[in-house]
Each structure stands twice: as C-alpha cells, then as structure tokens.
C-alpha cells in the first residue's frame, strides 16, 4: 500500500467521513509501523477497509 490507487478511468466520488481521533491515531501508527517513513496513506487504508467489509458482509459485492 505504498502508493495511491490508480482508478484507471473509472468514475470516482469523493467521500468525506468523520472519525474519532483515537481511530486516526491507530491508523497512523499502523501505517508507520517501525519504519521512519509512512507505508501508505489514510484514504487508501479506509478505501480498502470499506471494500473488505463489503466483501465480508455481502455475497454479491464485486471483487477487484
């Protein structure tokens, strides 16, 4: 997850969410790990988490 996802011409829509500060800090800690640089970005982490949740909870959600 080191780079931003390429949408390859697919239509996109910006999604704005509010999240508790503790959750943001947990994401930052996870992405940084033990490395002096960040391995990814929050938006990509959240996008992947949403897709994973949809796959788990919905039999008909498409996979990429």
N, C-alpha and C. Protein backbone atom coordinates (compact mmCIF):
# COMPACT_ATOMS: atom_id res chain seq x y z
N UNK A 1 0.82 -1.18 0.00
CA UNK A 1 0.00 0.00 0.00
C UNK A 1 0.87 1.25 0.00
N UNK A 2 1.96 1.19 -0.66
CA UNK A 2 2.91 2.30 -0.64
C UNK A 2 2.51 3.45 -1.55
N UNK A 3 1.63 3.19 -2.50
CA UNK A 3 1.27 4.26 -3.43
C UNK A 3 -0.25 4.42 -3.47
N UNK A 4 -0.69 5.53 -4.02
CA UNK A 4 -2.11 5.76 -4.18
C UNK A 4 -2.67 4.83 -5.24
N UNK A 5 -3.91 4.46 -5.06
CA UNK A 5 -4.57 3.58 -6.00
C UNK A 5 -4.83 4.33 -7.31
N UNK A 6 -4.59 3.66 -8.40
CA UNK A 6 -4.91 4.21 -9.70
C UNK A 6 -6.31 3.75 -10.07
N UNK A 7 -7.19 4.67 -10.43
CA UNK A 7 -8.57 4.30 -10.73
C UNK A 7 -8.77 3.95 -12.20
N UNK A 8 -7.76 4.13 -13.01
CA UNK A 8 -7.75 3.70 -14.41
C UNK A 8 -9.02 4.10 -15.18
N UNK A 9 -9.40 5.37 -15.06
CA UNK A 9 -10.52 5.88 -15.82
C UNK A 9 -11.89 5.59 -15.25
N UNK A 10 -11.96 4.83 -14.15
CA UNK A 10 -13.26 4.55 -13.54
C UNK A 10 -13.79 5.81 -12.89
N UNK A 11 -15.10 6.00 -12.91
CA UNK A 11 -15.67 7.17 -12.24
C UNK A 11 -15.44 7.08 -10.73
N UNK A 12 -15.15 8.22 -10.12
CA UNK A 12 -14.93 8.24 -8.68
C UNK A 12 -15.81 9.31 -8.04
N UNK A 13 -16.03 9.19 -6.76
CA UNK A 13 -16.76 10.19 -5.99
C UNK A 13 -16.05 10.36 -4.67
N UNK A 14 -15.83 11.60 -4.27
CA UNK A 14 -15.15 11.90 -3.02
C UNK A 14 -16.10 11.62 -1.86
N UNK A 15 -15.58 10.95 -0.84
CA UNK A 15 -16.35 10.62 0.35
C UNK A 15 -15.67 11.25 1.55
N UNK A 16 -16.41 12.05 2.28
CA UNK A 16 -15.86 12.71 3.46
C UNK A 16 -16.47 12.07 4.69
N UNK A 17 -15.64 11.61 5.61
CA UNK A 17 -16.12 10.95 6.81
C UNK A 17 -15.51 11.61 8.04
N UNK A 18 -16.21 11.49 9.15
CA UNK A 18 -15.68 11.95 10.44
C UNK A 18 -15.35 10.72 11.27
N UNK A 19 -14.17 10.74 11.87
CA UNK A 19 -13.68 9.59 12.63
C UNK A 19 -13.06 10.10 13.93
N UNK A 20 -13.25 9.31 15.00
CA UNK A 20 -12.66 9.69 16.28
C UNK A 20 -11.14 9.80 16.16
N UNK A 21 -10.56 10.72 16.91
CA UNK A 21 -9.12 10.95 16.86
C UNK A 21 -8.33 9.69 17.20
N UNK A 22 -8.84 8.87 18.13
CA UNK A 22 -8.15 7.63 18.50
C UNK A 22 -8.03 6.68 17.31
N UNK A 23 -9.07 6.66 16.48
CA UNK A 23 -9.03 5.81 15.29
C UNK A 23 -8.01 6.31 14.29
N UNK A 24 -7.95 7.62 14.09
CA UNK A 24 -6.97 8.21 13.18
C UNK A 24 -5.55 7.90 13.67
N UNK A 25 -5.32 8.04 14.96
CA UNK A 25 -4.00 7.74 15.53
C UNK A 25 -3.65 6.27 15.37
N UNK A 26 -4.64 5.38 15.54
CA UNK A 26 -4.38 3.95 15.36
C UNK A 26 -4.02 3.64 13.91
N UNK A 27 -4.71 4.29 12.96
CA UNK A 27 -4.38 4.10 11.54
C UNK A 27 -2.97 4.60 11.26
N UNK A 28 -2.64 5.79 11.76
CA UNK A 28 -1.30 6.34 11.55
C UNK A 28 -0.23 5.44 12.14
N UNK A 29 -0.46 4.92 13.33
CA UNK A 29 0.50 4.02 13.96
C UNK A 29 0.65 2.74 13.15
N UNK A 30 -0.45 2.21 12.64
CA UNK A 30 -0.40 1.01 11.83
C UNK A 30 0.38 1.24 10.53
N UNK A 31 0.09 2.36 9.87
CA UNK A 31 0.76 2.65 8.60
C UNK A 31 2.25 2.92 8.78
N UNK A 32 2.60 3.58 9.87
CA UNK A 32 4.01 3.91 10.09
C UNK A 32 4.79 2.68 10.54
N UNK A 33 4.22 1.90 11.46
CA UNK A 33 4.91 0.72 11.96
C UNK A 33 6.22 1.10 12.61
N UNK A 34 7.24 0.30 12.40
CA UNK A 34 8.57 0.55 12.97
C UNK A 34 9.50 1.26 12.00
N UNK A 35 8.93 1.78 10.93
CA UNK A 35 9.75 2.42 9.90
C UNK A 35 9.75 3.93 10.07
N UNK A 36 10.81 4.59 9.66
CA UNK A 36 10.87 6.05 9.79
C UNK A 36 10.02 6.78 8.74
N UNK A 37 9.40 6.06 7.81
CA UNK A 37 8.56 6.69 6.80
C UNK A 37 7.18 6.01 6.82
N UNK A 38 6.23 6.66 6.23
CA UNK A 38 4.88 6.11 6.17
C UNK A 38 4.76 5.13 5.02
N UNK A 39 4.10 4.01 5.25
CA UNK A 39 3.94 2.97 4.23
C UNK A 39 2.75 3.22 3.31
N UNK A 40 1.86 4.11 3.66
CA UNK A 40 0.68 4.32 2.85
C UNK A 40 -0.02 5.61 3.24
N UNK A 41 -1.26 5.71 2.90
CA UNK A 41 -2.00 6.90 3.27
C UNK A 41 -3.35 6.52 3.86
N UNK A 42 -3.91 7.42 4.62
CA UNK A 42 -5.16 7.13 5.32
C UNK A 42 -6.30 6.82 4.36
N UNK A 43 -6.43 7.61 3.32
CA UNK A 43 -7.57 7.42 2.42
C UNK A 43 -7.53 6.05 1.76
N UNK A 44 -6.37 5.58 1.37
CA UNK A 44 -6.25 4.26 0.76
C UNK A 44 -6.56 3.18 1.79
N UNK A 45 -6.11 3.36 3.02
CA UNK A 45 -6.40 2.41 4.09
C UNK A 45 -7.91 2.31 4.30
N UNK A 46 -8.59 3.45 4.36
CA UNK A 46 -10.03 3.47 4.59
C UNK A 46 -10.77 2.86 3.40
N UNK A 47 -10.35 3.18 2.17
CA UNK A 47 -10.98 2.61 0.98
C UNK A 47 -10.89 1.09 1.00
N UNK A 48 -9.71 0.56 1.30
CA UNK A 48 -9.53 -0.88 1.36
C UNK A 48 -10.35 -1.51 2.48
N UNK A 49 -10.43 -0.83 3.62
CA UNK A 49 -11.23 -1.35 4.74
C UNK A 49 -12.70 -1.41 4.37
N UNK A 50 -13.20 -0.40 3.67
CA UNK A 50 -14.60 -0.39 3.24
C UNK A 50 -14.85 -1.55 2.28
N UNK A 51 -13.98 -1.73 1.31
CA UNK A 51 -14.16 -2.82 0.36
C UNK A 51 -14.10 -4.18 1.04
N UNK A 52 -13.18 -4.34 1.98
CA UNK A 52 -13.08 -5.61 2.71
C UNK A 52 -14.36 -5.88 3.50
N UNK A 53 -14.89 -4.87 4.18
CA UNK A 53 -16.13 -5.02 4.94
C UNK A 53 -17.29 -5.38 4.02
N UNK A 54 -17.39 -4.74 2.87
CA UNK A 54 -18.46 -5.05 1.93
C UNK A 54 -18.35 -6.49 1.42
N UNK A 55 -17.14 -6.96 1.13
CA UNK A 55 -16.94 -8.34 0.68
C UNK A 55 -17.35 -9.33 1.77
N UNK A 56 -16.99 -9.04 3.01
CA UNK A 56 -17.33 -9.94 4.12
C UNK A 56 -18.83 -10.00 4.36
N UNK A 57 -19.51 -8.87 4.27
CA UNK A 57 -20.92 -8.79 4.66
C UNK A 57 -21.90 -8.97 3.52
N UNK A 58 -21.44 -8.97 2.29
CA UNK A 58 -22.34 -9.04 1.16
C UNK A 58 -21.85 -10.09 0.18
N UNK A 59 -22.71 -11.06 -0.10
CA UNK A 59 -22.33 -12.12 -1.04
C UNK A 59 -22.22 -11.63 -2.47
N UNK A 60 -22.93 -10.56 -2.80
CA UNK A 60 -22.97 -10.12 -4.18
C UNK A 60 -22.07 -8.92 -4.46
N UNK A 61 -21.25 -8.49 -3.47
CA UNK A 61 -20.35 -7.36 -3.72
C UNK A 61 -19.24 -7.82 -4.67
N UNK A 62 -19.00 -7.03 -5.68
CA UNK A 62 -17.98 -7.40 -6.68
C UNK A 62 -16.58 -7.31 -6.10
N UNK A 63 -15.70 -8.16 -6.56
CA UNK A 63 -14.31 -8.12 -6.14
C UNK A 63 -13.48 -7.51 -7.25
N UNK A 64 -12.34 -6.95 -6.89
CA UNK A 64 -11.47 -6.32 -7.87
C UNK A 64 -10.38 -7.25 -8.28
